[in-house]
Amino acid sequence: MSRVGKQPIQLPDKVTVKVTDSNVHVEGPKGKLDYTLPEGVNVSQEGQNIVVKRESEDRKVRAMHGTVQRLISNMVQGVSAGFRKDLEIHGVGFRAAVKGTNLDLSLGYSHPLLHPIPKTLKVAVAENTKISIEGIDKQLVGQFAADVRNYYPPEPYKGKGVRYVGEYVRRKEGKSVK
């Protein structure tokens, strides 16, 4: 049995979960999220706990058991506390700004990079180099941060680029003169 899948999900106060035939609807103080269950996985509510069970021992069903438990757990955490990713920009002249519904990045290219911000995310820029991304959907927050980082990943020689806060960049030695 899946070690992750058999763990019950504890519901915090002010979070409600409605389970229908193949849908899970989670609602909390920060918002609402929905998830469609795959075949072979059942979800039930027992008091203040959510329990995920599987119907068979098929390989696909076993694979989805822990995944569904973790996805629902992330939904519960998202609507109660939310998720946050912080990025920082290193490099002379590199900066970011929020312009309407776009994130404007100046990363040394000949043109500005305008990255559209999804409606469910809140993006803030401090000191022109620190980007904060907040939202209730863990996948959406992480994907947005990864897309922004992908425009100019940190390079190993000077360390310039967009990186996660606290990310270690292994530096390389430059050319040596003989």
N, C-alpha and C. Protein backbone atom coordinates (compact mmCIF):
# COMPACT_ATOMS: atom_id res chain seq x y z
N MET A 1 0.84 -1.18 0.00
CA MET A 1 0.00 0.00 0.00
C MET A 1 0.89 1.24 0.00
N SER A 2 0.45 2.27 -0.67
CA SER A 2 1.20 3.51 -0.76
C SER A 2 1.33 4.15 0.61
N ARG A 3 2.55 4.48 0.99
CA ARG A 3 2.77 5.13 2.28
C ARG A 3 2.18 6.52 2.30
N VAL A 4 2.26 7.23 1.17
CA VAL A 4 1.69 8.57 1.08
C VAL A 4 0.18 8.49 0.96
N GLY A 5 -0.31 7.59 0.13
CA GLY A 5 -1.74 7.50 -0.15
C GLY A 5 -2.59 7.13 1.04
N LYS A 6 -2.06 6.36 1.97
CA LYS A 6 -2.88 5.91 3.09
C LYS A 6 -2.94 6.93 4.23
N GLN A 7 -2.15 7.99 4.16
CA GLN A 7 -2.19 9.02 5.20
C GLN A 7 -3.46 9.86 5.06
N PRO A 8 -4.21 10.05 6.16
CA PRO A 8 -5.40 10.90 6.08
C PRO A 8 -5.00 12.38 5.99
N ILE A 9 -5.84 13.16 5.33
CA ILE A 9 -5.60 14.59 5.19
C ILE A 9 -6.44 15.30 6.24
N GLN A 10 -5.79 16.04 7.14
CA GLN A 10 -6.51 16.74 8.19
C GLN A 10 -6.99 18.08 7.65
N LEU A 11 -8.26 18.38 7.90
CA LEU A 11 -8.83 19.64 7.43
C LEU A 11 -8.68 20.71 8.50
N PRO A 12 -8.08 21.86 8.15
CA PRO A 12 -8.03 22.97 9.11
C PRO A 12 -9.41 23.62 9.24
N ASP A 13 -9.54 24.50 10.24
CA ASP A 13 -10.80 25.23 10.41
C ASP A 13 -11.07 26.09 9.17
N LYS A 14 -12.32 26.33 8.88
CA LYS A 14 -12.79 27.18 7.78
C LYS A 14 -12.52 26.58 6.40
N VAL A 15 -12.17 25.31 6.32
CA VAL A 15 -11.98 24.65 5.02
C VAL A 15 -13.05 23.56 4.89
N THR A 16 -13.80 23.60 3.79
CA THR A 16 -14.83 22.60 3.55
C THR A 16 -14.49 21.83 2.29
N VAL A 17 -14.79 20.53 2.31
CA VAL A 17 -14.53 19.66 1.17
C VAL A 17 -15.84 18.97 0.81
N LYS A 18 -16.21 19.04 -0.46
CA LYS A 18 -17.39 18.33 -0.96
C LYS A 18 -16.91 17.29 -1.96
N VAL A 19 -17.30 16.05 -1.72
CA VAL A 19 -16.90 14.95 -2.59
C VAL A 19 -18.14 14.44 -3.30
N THR A 20 -18.14 14.52 -4.63
CA THR A 20 -19.22 13.93 -5.42
C THR A 20 -18.66 12.68 -6.08
N ASP A 21 -19.35 12.13 -7.06
CA ASP A 21 -18.92 10.88 -7.70
C ASP A 21 -17.46 10.91 -8.12
N SER A 22 -17.09 11.86 -8.96
CA SER A 22 -15.71 11.89 -9.45
C SER A 22 -15.08 13.27 -9.30
N ASN A 23 -15.64 14.12 -8.46
CA ASN A 23 -15.10 15.47 -8.27
C ASN A 23 -14.84 15.74 -6.80
N VAL A 24 -13.81 16.51 -6.54
CA VAL A 24 -13.51 16.99 -5.19
C VAL A 24 -13.48 18.51 -5.27
N HIS A 25 -14.29 19.16 -4.42
CA HIS A 25 -14.38 20.62 -4.40
C HIS A 25 -13.91 21.08 -3.02
N VAL A 26 -12.83 21.87 -3.00
CA VAL A 26 -12.26 22.37 -1.75
C VAL A 26 -12.45 23.88 -1.70
N GLU A 27 -13.00 24.35 -0.59
CA GLU A 27 -13.26 25.78 -0.44
C GLU A 27 -12.72 26.25 0.90
N GLY A 28 -12.05 27.40 0.88
CA GLY A 28 -11.47 27.94 2.10
C GLY A 28 -11.44 29.45 2.07
N PRO A 29 -10.77 30.07 3.05
CA PRO A 29 -10.76 31.53 3.11
C PRO A 29 -10.04 32.20 1.94
N LYS A 30 -9.11 31.52 1.27
CA LYS A 30 -8.38 32.13 0.16
C LYS A 30 -9.00 31.87 -1.20
N GLY A 31 -9.92 30.89 -1.31
CA GLY A 31 -10.54 30.62 -2.60
C GLY A 31 -11.09 29.22 -2.71
N LYS A 32 -11.37 28.82 -3.98
CA LYS A 32 -11.96 27.51 -4.27
C LYS A 32 -11.11 26.80 -5.31
N LEU A 33 -11.02 25.46 -5.16
CA LEU A 33 -10.32 24.64 -6.14
C LEU A 33 -11.12 23.37 -6.40
N ASP A 34 -11.06 22.87 -7.63
CA ASP A 34 -11.74 21.64 -8.00
C ASP A 34 -10.74 20.65 -8.59
N TYR A 35 -11.05 19.36 -8.42
CA TYR A 35 -10.20 18.30 -8.97
C TYR A 35 -11.09 17.15 -9.39
N THR A 36 -10.85 16.61 -10.58
CA THR A 36 -11.57 15.44 -11.07
C THR A 36 -10.75 14.20 -10.77
N LEU A 37 -11.35 13.26 -10.06
CA LEU A 37 -10.65 12.05 -9.66
C LEU A 37 -10.44 11.11 -10.84
N PRO A 38 -9.29 10.44 -10.89
CA PRO A 38 -9.09 9.42 -11.93
C PRO A 38 -9.85 8.16 -11.56
N GLU A 39 -10.03 7.27 -12.54
CA GLU A 39 -10.74 6.02 -12.28
C GLU A 39 -9.95 5.14 -11.32
N GLY A 40 -10.68 4.48 -10.43
CA GLY A 40 -10.05 3.54 -9.51
C GLY A 40 -9.65 4.13 -8.18
N VAL A 41 -9.83 5.44 -7.99
CA VAL A 41 -9.48 6.09 -6.73
C VAL A 41 -10.73 6.72 -6.15
N ASN A 42 -11.00 6.45 -4.87
CA ASN A 42 -12.16 7.01 -4.17
C ASN A 42 -11.70 7.90 -3.04
N VAL A 43 -12.48 8.94 -2.77
CA VAL A 43 -12.19 9.86 -1.68
C VAL A 43 -13.43 9.92 -0.79
N SER A 44 -13.21 9.83 0.53
CA SER A 44 -14.33 9.94 1.47
C SER A 44 -13.92 10.84 2.62
N GLN A 45 -14.93 11.43 3.26
CA GLN A 45 -14.68 12.31 4.38
C GLN A 45 -15.12 11.62 5.66
N GLU A 46 -14.20 11.53 6.62
CA GLU A 46 -14.50 10.91 7.90
C GLU A 46 -14.21 11.92 8.99
N GLY A 47 -15.24 12.66 9.40
CA GLY A 47 -15.07 13.71 10.40
C GLY A 47 -14.27 14.87 9.83
N GLN A 48 -13.15 15.18 10.47
CA GLN A 48 -12.28 16.26 10.01
C GLN A 48 -11.12 15.74 9.15
N ASN A 49 -11.24 14.52 8.66
CA ASN A 49 -10.19 13.92 7.84
C ASN A 49 -10.73 13.53 6.47
N ILE A 50 -9.86 13.59 5.47
CA ILE A 50 -10.16 13.11 4.12
C ILE A 50 -9.31 11.87 3.91
N VAL A 51 -9.95 10.78 3.46
CA VAL A 51 -9.25 9.52 3.24
C VAL A 51 -9.34 9.15 1.77
N VAL A 52 -8.18 8.80 1.19
CA VAL A 52 -8.10 8.40 -0.21
C VAL A 52 -7.88 6.89 -0.25
N LYS A 53 -8.75 6.19 -0.98
CA LYS A 53 -8.63 4.73 -1.09
C LYS A 53 -8.66 4.34 -2.56
N ARG A 54 -8.05 3.19 -2.85
CA ARG A 54 -8.06 2.70 -4.22
C ARG A 54 -8.91 1.44 -4.31
N GLU A 55 -9.47 1.24 -5.51
CA GLU A 55 -10.39 0.12 -5.71
C GLU A 55 -9.70 -1.18 -6.07
N SER A 56 -8.54 -1.08 -6.71
CA SER A 56 -7.88 -2.30 -7.17
C SER A 56 -6.37 -2.17 -7.00
N GLU A 57 -5.67 -3.22 -7.37
CA GLU A 57 -4.21 -3.24 -7.27
C GLU A 57 -3.54 -3.09 -8.64
N ASP A 58 -4.27 -2.54 -9.61
CA ASP A 58 -3.67 -2.29 -10.93
C ASP A 58 -2.51 -1.33 -10.79
N ARG A 59 -1.58 -1.44 -11.72
CA ARG A 59 -0.39 -0.59 -11.67
C ARG A 59 -0.74 0.89 -11.75
N LYS A 60 -1.65 1.27 -12.66
CA LYS A 60 -2.04 2.67 -12.82
C LYS A 60 -2.76 3.19 -11.59
N VAL A 61 -3.62 2.37 -11.02
CA VAL A 61 -4.38 2.80 -9.84
C VAL A 61 -3.43 2.97 -8.65
N ARG A 62 -2.49 2.06 -8.50
CA ARG A 62 -1.52 2.19 -7.41
C ARG A 62 -0.67 3.45 -7.59
N ALA A 63 -0.32 3.76 -8.84
CA ALA A 63 0.48 4.95 -9.11
C ALA A 63 -0.28 6.23 -8.79
N MET A 64 -1.57 6.22 -9.04
CA MET A 64 -2.38 7.43 -8.81
C MET A 64 -2.81 7.60 -7.35
N HIS A 65 -2.73 6.56 -6.55
CA HIS A 65 -3.20 6.61 -5.16
C HIS A 65 -2.49 7.71 -4.37
N GLY A 66 -1.17 7.67 -4.32
CA GLY A 66 -0.41 8.67 -3.59
C GLY A 66 -0.47 10.04 -4.24
N THR A 67 -0.54 10.05 -5.57
CA THR A 67 -0.61 11.32 -6.29
C THR A 67 -1.88 12.07 -5.95
N VAL A 68 -3.02 11.37 -5.94
CA VAL A 68 -4.30 12.00 -5.64
C VAL A 68 -4.30 12.52 -4.20
N GLN A 69 -3.74 11.74 -3.28
CA GLN A 69 -3.69 12.17 -1.87
C GLN A 69 -2.89 13.46 -1.76
N ARG A 70 -1.76 13.53 -2.42
CA ARG A 70 -0.91 14.71 -2.33
C ARG A 70 -1.55 15.91 -3.03
N LEU A 71 -2.23 15.69 -4.15
CA LEU A 71 -2.89 16.79 -4.85
C LEU A 71 -4.00 17.40 -4.00
N ILE A 72 -4.80 16.55 -3.36
CA ILE A 72 -5.87 17.05 -2.49
C ILE A 72 -5.27 17.75 -1.27
N SER A 73 -4.20 17.20 -0.73
CA SER A 73 -3.52 17.83 0.40
C SER A 73 -3.02 19.22 0.02
N ASN A 74 -2.46 19.36 -1.17
CA ASN A 74 -1.99 20.67 -1.65
C ASN A 74 -3.15 21.62 -1.88
N MET A 75 -4.30 21.10 -2.32
CA MET A 75 -5.47 21.95 -2.49
C MET A 75 -5.94 22.50 -1.14
N VAL A 76 -5.97 21.65 -0.13
CA VAL A 76 -6.39 22.07 1.21
C VAL A 76 -5.43 23.12 1.75
N GLN A 77 -4.13 22.90 1.58
CA GLN A 77 -3.14 23.87 2.04
C GLN A 77 -3.25 25.17 1.26
N GLY A 78 -3.52 25.08 -0.03
CA GLY A 78 -3.62 26.28 -0.86
C GLY A 78 -4.77 27.18 -0.49
N VAL A 79 -5.96 26.61 -0.23
CA VAL A 79 -7.11 27.45 0.10
C VAL A 79 -7.06 27.94 1.54
N SER A 80 -6.22 27.34 2.38
CA SER A 80 -6.13 27.81 3.76
C SER A 80 -4.95 28.77 3.96
N ALA A 81 -3.77 28.41 3.46
CA ALA A 81 -2.58 29.25 3.67
C ALA A 81 -2.03 29.84 2.38
N GLY A 82 -2.16 29.15 1.26
CA GLY A 82 -1.62 29.61 -0.01
C GLY A 82 -0.18 29.18 -0.21
N PHE A 83 0.33 29.45 -1.40
CA PHE A 83 1.70 29.09 -1.75
C PHE A 83 2.43 30.33 -2.24
N ARG A 84 3.75 30.32 -2.07
CA ARG A 84 4.54 31.48 -2.45
C ARG A 84 5.90 31.03 -2.97
N LYS A 85 6.35 31.67 -4.04
CA LYS A 85 7.69 31.46 -4.59
C LYS A 85 8.33 32.84 -4.74
N ASP A 86 9.60 32.92 -4.36
CA ASP A 86 10.33 34.17 -4.49
C ASP A 86 11.49 33.98 -5.45
N LEU A 87 11.67 34.94 -6.34
CA LEU A 87 12.76 34.94 -7.31
C LEU A 87 13.59 36.20 -7.10
N GLU A 88 14.86 36.12 -7.46
CA GLU A 88 15.71 37.30 -7.43
C GLU A 88 16.49 37.38 -8.74
N ILE A 89 16.74 38.62 -9.17
CA ILE A 89 17.44 38.86 -10.42
C ILE A 89 18.82 39.40 -10.10
N HIS A 90 19.86 38.77 -10.68
CA HIS A 90 21.24 39.22 -10.51
C HIS A 90 21.77 39.65 -11.87
N GLY A 91 22.42 40.79 -11.91
CA GLY A 91 23.01 41.28 -13.15
C GLY A 91 22.85 42.78 -13.25
N VAL A 92 23.85 43.45 -13.79
CA VAL A 92 23.82 44.89 -13.92
C VAL A 92 22.78 45.28 -14.97
N GLY A 93 21.84 46.13 -14.60
CA GLY A 93 20.81 46.59 -15.52
C GLY A 93 19.62 45.65 -15.65
N PHE A 94 19.66 44.51 -14.99
CA PHE A 94 18.53 43.58 -15.05
C PHE A 94 17.48 44.04 -14.04
N ARG A 95 16.22 44.07 -14.47
CA ARG A 95 15.16 44.49 -13.55
C ARG A 95 13.81 43.94 -14.02
N ALA A 96 12.83 44.07 -13.13
CA ALA A 96 11.48 43.61 -13.42
C ALA A 96 10.47 44.63 -12.92
N ALA A 97 9.29 44.62 -13.50
CA ALA A 97 8.20 45.50 -13.06
C ALA A 97 6.88 44.87 -13.48
N VAL A 98 5.85 45.16 -12.72
CA VAL A 98 4.51 44.70 -13.07
C VAL A 98 3.82 45.82 -13.82
N LYS A 99 3.41 45.53 -15.06
CA LYS A 99 2.70 46.52 -15.87
C LYS A 99 1.35 45.95 -16.26
N GLY A 100 0.32 46.35 -15.55
CA GLY A 100 -1.03 45.84 -15.83
C GLY A 100 -1.13 44.36 -15.51
N THR A 101 -1.42 43.56 -16.52
CA THR A 101 -1.54 42.12 -16.32
C THR A 101 -0.31 41.36 -16.84
N ASN A 102 0.81 42.10 -17.01
CA ASN A 102 2.04 41.48 -17.51
C ASN A 102 3.19 41.76 -16.55
N LEU A 103 4.13 40.83 -16.54
CA LEU A 103 5.39 41.03 -15.83
C LEU A 103 6.42 41.45 -16.86
N ASP A 104 6.95 42.67 -16.72
CA ASP A 104 7.91 43.23 -17.67
C ASP A 104 9.31 42.93 -17.15
N LEU A 105 10.08 42.16 -17.92
CA LEU A 105 11.43 41.76 -17.54
C LEU A 105 12.44 42.40 -18.48
N SER A 106 13.43 43.08 -17.93
CA SER A 106 14.54 43.61 -18.71
C SER A 106 15.76 42.79 -18.32
N LEU A 107 16.13 41.86 -19.18
CA LEU A 107 17.20 40.92 -18.85
C LEU A 107 18.36 40.96 -19.85
N GLY A 108 18.62 42.14 -20.41
CA GLY A 108 19.76 42.28 -21.29
C GLY A 108 19.47 41.96 -22.74
N TYR A 109 18.25 41.59 -23.06
CA TYR A 109 17.89 41.35 -24.46
C TYR A 109 17.59 42.67 -25.13
N SER A 110 17.50 42.66 -26.46
CA SER A 110 17.25 43.90 -27.20
C SER A 110 15.79 44.34 -27.10
N HIS A 111 14.95 43.50 -26.52
CA HIS A 111 13.53 43.81 -26.38
C HIS A 111 13.07 43.45 -24.97
N PRO A 112 12.06 44.14 -24.46
CA PRO A 112 11.54 43.77 -23.14
C PRO A 112 10.73 42.47 -23.24
N LEU A 113 10.78 41.69 -22.19
CA LEU A 113 10.02 40.44 -22.15
C LEU A 113 8.75 40.68 -21.34
N LEU A 114 7.60 40.52 -21.96
CA LEU A 114 6.32 40.69 -21.28
C LEU A 114 5.72 39.31 -21.06
N HIS A 115 5.66 38.90 -19.80
CA HIS A 115 5.11 37.58 -19.45
C HIS A 115 3.73 37.79 -18.83
N PRO A 116 2.66 37.22 -19.44
CA PRO A 116 1.31 37.43 -18.89
C PRO A 116 1.15 36.77 -17.53
N ILE A 117 0.49 37.47 -16.61
CA ILE A 117 0.24 36.97 -15.26
C ILE A 117 -1.16 36.36 -15.22
N PRO A 118 -1.29 35.09 -14.82
CA PRO A 118 -2.63 34.49 -14.69
C PRO A 118 -3.46 35.25 -13.65
N LYS A 119 -4.78 35.24 -13.85
CA LYS A 119 -5.67 36.02 -12.99
C LYS A 119 -5.67 35.55 -11.54
N THR A 120 -5.38 34.27 -11.30
CA THR A 120 -5.44 33.75 -9.93
C THR A 120 -4.15 33.97 -9.15
N LEU A 121 -3.12 34.53 -9.79
CA LEU A 121 -1.84 34.77 -9.10
C LEU A 121 -1.68 36.24 -8.77
N LYS A 122 -0.95 36.49 -7.68
CA LYS A 122 -0.57 37.85 -7.30
C LYS A 122 0.95 37.93 -7.43
N VAL A 123 1.42 38.85 -8.26
CA VAL A 123 2.85 39.02 -8.48
C VAL A 123 3.23 40.42 -8.02
N ALA A 124 4.27 40.49 -7.17
CA ALA A 124 4.77 41.77 -6.68
C ALA A 124 6.26 41.84 -6.93
N VAL A 125 6.73 43.06 -7.24
CA VAL A 125 8.16 43.27 -7.47
C VAL A 125 8.64 44.31 -6.47
N ALA A 126 9.70 43.95 -5.73
CA ALA A 126 10.30 44.87 -4.76
C ALA A 126 11.74 45.15 -5.20
N GLU A 127 12.17 46.40 -5.04
CA GLU A 127 13.53 46.82 -5.35
C GLU A 127 13.94 46.51 -6.79
N ASN A 128 13.03 46.35 -7.70
CA ASN A 128 13.24 46.06 -9.12
C ASN A 128 13.90 44.71 -9.39
N THR A 129 14.33 43.98 -8.35
CA THR A 129 15.03 42.73 -8.58
C THR A 129 14.45 41.56 -7.80
N LYS A 130 13.50 41.79 -6.95
CA LYS A 130 12.91 40.71 -6.14
C LYS A 130 11.46 40.50 -6.57
N ILE A 131 11.16 39.30 -7.07
CA ILE A 131 9.82 38.98 -7.56
C ILE A 131 9.17 38.01 -6.60
N SER A 132 7.95 38.31 -6.17
CA SER A 132 7.20 37.45 -5.26
C SER A 132 5.93 36.99 -5.97
N ILE A 133 5.72 35.67 -5.99
CA ILE A 133 4.56 35.08 -6.67
C ILE A 133 3.72 34.35 -5.63
N GLU A 134 2.44 34.69 -5.52
CA GLU A 134 1.55 34.07 -4.54
C GLU A 134 0.29 33.59 -5.23
N GLY A 135 -0.25 32.46 -4.72
CA GLY A 135 -1.50 31.93 -5.25
C GLY A 135 -1.95 30.71 -4.46
N ILE A 136 -3.12 30.17 -4.82
CA ILE A 136 -3.65 29.02 -4.10
C ILE A 136 -3.37 27.70 -4.80
N ASP A 137 -2.99 27.76 -6.07
CA ASP A 137 -2.71 26.54 -6.85
C ASP A 137 -1.21 26.33 -6.91
N LYS A 138 -0.72 25.29 -6.24
CA LYS A 138 0.73 25.04 -6.14
C LYS A 138 1.36 24.85 -7.51
N GLN A 139 0.69 24.13 -8.39
CA GLN A 139 1.24 23.86 -9.71
C GLN A 139 1.36 25.16 -10.51
N LEU A 140 0.35 26.02 -10.44
CA LEU A 140 0.36 27.26 -11.20
C LEU A 140 1.44 28.22 -10.69
N VAL A 141 1.61 28.31 -9.38
CA VAL A 141 2.65 29.17 -8.80
C VAL A 141 4.02 28.68 -9.22
N GLY A 142 4.27 27.38 -9.11
CA GLY A 142 5.57 26.82 -9.48
C GLY A 142 5.86 26.93 -10.96
N GLN A 143 4.85 26.72 -11.79
CA GLN A 143 5.06 26.81 -13.24
C GLN A 143 5.34 28.23 -13.68
N PHE A 144 4.64 29.20 -13.08
CA PHE A 144 4.89 30.60 -13.42
C PHE A 144 6.31 30.99 -13.03
N ALA A 145 6.74 30.58 -11.83
CA ALA A 145 8.10 30.88 -11.38
C ALA A 145 9.13 30.23 -12.30
N ALA A 146 8.89 28.99 -12.70
CA ALA A 146 9.82 28.29 -13.58
C ALA A 146 9.88 28.95 -14.96
N ASP A 147 8.73 29.42 -15.46
CA ASP A 147 8.71 30.10 -16.76
C ASP A 147 9.51 31.40 -16.72
N VAL A 148 9.36 32.17 -15.63
CA VAL A 148 10.10 33.43 -15.50
C VAL A 148 11.60 33.13 -15.38
N ARG A 149 11.95 32.12 -14.60
CA ARG A 149 13.37 31.75 -14.43
C ARG A 149 13.97 31.29 -15.75
N ASN A 150 13.17 30.66 -16.59
CA ASN A 150 13.63 30.10 -17.86
C ASN A 150 14.06 31.17 -18.87
N TYR A 151 13.60 32.42 -18.71
CA TYR A 151 14.01 33.47 -19.64
C TYR A 151 15.52 33.71 -19.57
N TYR A 152 16.10 33.60 -18.37
CA TYR A 152 17.53 33.80 -18.21
C TYR A 152 17.98 33.05 -16.96
N PRO A 153 18.20 31.74 -17.08
CA PRO A 153 18.65 30.97 -15.91
C PRO A 153 20.03 31.44 -15.46
N PRO A 154 20.37 31.27 -14.20
CA PRO A 154 21.67 31.75 -13.73
C PRO A 154 22.82 31.05 -14.45
N GLU A 155 23.76 31.83 -14.93
CA GLU A 155 24.89 31.26 -15.65
C GLU A 155 26.06 31.08 -14.69
N PRO A 156 26.92 30.09 -14.94
CA PRO A 156 27.92 29.70 -13.94
C PRO A 156 29.17 30.58 -13.86
N TYR A 157 29.39 31.49 -14.79
CA TYR A 157 30.63 32.26 -14.80
C TYR A 157 30.54 33.54 -13.99
N LYS A 158 29.49 34.32 -14.20
CA LYS A 158 29.32 35.55 -13.43
C LYS A 158 28.13 35.47 -12.47
N GLY A 159 27.29 34.46 -12.61
CA GLY A 159 26.14 34.31 -11.72
C GLY A 159 24.95 35.16 -12.11
N LYS A 160 24.98 35.74 -13.30
CA LYS A 160 23.87 36.59 -13.74
C LYS A 160 22.66 35.73 -14.07
N GLY A 161 21.46 36.31 -13.92
CA GLY A 161 20.25 35.63 -14.31
C GLY A 161 19.18 35.68 -13.24
N VAL A 162 18.10 34.95 -13.50
CA VAL A 162 16.97 34.87 -12.57
C VAL A 162 17.10 33.57 -11.80
N ARG A 163 17.04 33.65 -10.48
CA ARG A 163 17.15 32.45 -9.64
C ARG A 163 16.15 32.50 -8.51
N TYR A 164 15.88 31.33 -7.94
CA TYR A 164 15.04 31.26 -6.75
C TYR A 164 15.81 31.83 -5.57
N VAL A 165 15.11 32.40 -4.61
CA VAL A 165 15.77 32.91 -3.41
C VAL A 165 16.36 31.72 -2.66
N GLY A 166 17.63 31.81 -2.34
CA GLY A 166 18.32 30.73 -1.64
C GLY A 166 18.92 29.68 -2.55
N GLU A 167 18.72 29.79 -3.85
CA GLU A 167 19.27 28.81 -4.79
C GLU A 167 20.78 28.98 -4.88
N TYR A 168 21.51 27.88 -4.80
CA TYR A 168 22.96 27.92 -4.91
C TYR A 168 23.34 27.72 -6.37
N VAL A 169 24.18 28.61 -6.88
CA VAL A 169 24.67 28.51 -8.25
C VAL A 169 26.14 28.16 -8.18
N ARG A 170 26.49 26.99 -8.69
CA ARG A 170 27.89 26.55 -8.71
C ARG A 170 28.64 27.39 -9.73
N ARG A 171 29.67 28.08 -9.27
CA ARG A 171 30.42 28.98 -10.13
C ARG A 171 31.60 28.24 -10.74
N LYS A 172 31.95 28.60 -11.98
CA LYS A 172 33.09 28.03 -12.68
C LYS A 172 34.19 29.07 -12.79
N GLU A 173 35.41 28.58 -12.91
CA GLU A 173 36.53 29.47 -13.11
C GLU A 173 36.58 29.86 -14.57
N GLY A 174 36.90 31.10 -14.84
CA GLY A 174 37.00 31.58 -16.22
C GLY A 174 38.26 31.09 -16.88
N LYS A 175 38.55 31.65 -18.07
CA LYS A 175 39.77 31.27 -18.80
C LYS A 175 40.98 31.76 -18.03
N SER A 176 42.01 30.93 -18.03
CA SER A 176 43.25 31.33 -17.37
C SER A 176 44.30 31.64 -18.42
N VAL A 177 45.16 32.61 -18.10
CA VAL A 177 46.20 33.02 -19.02
C VAL A 177 47.44 32.19 -18.75
N LYS A 178 48.06 31.63 -19.82
CA LYS A 178 49.26 30.81 -19.65
C LYS A 178 50.50 31.60 -19.81
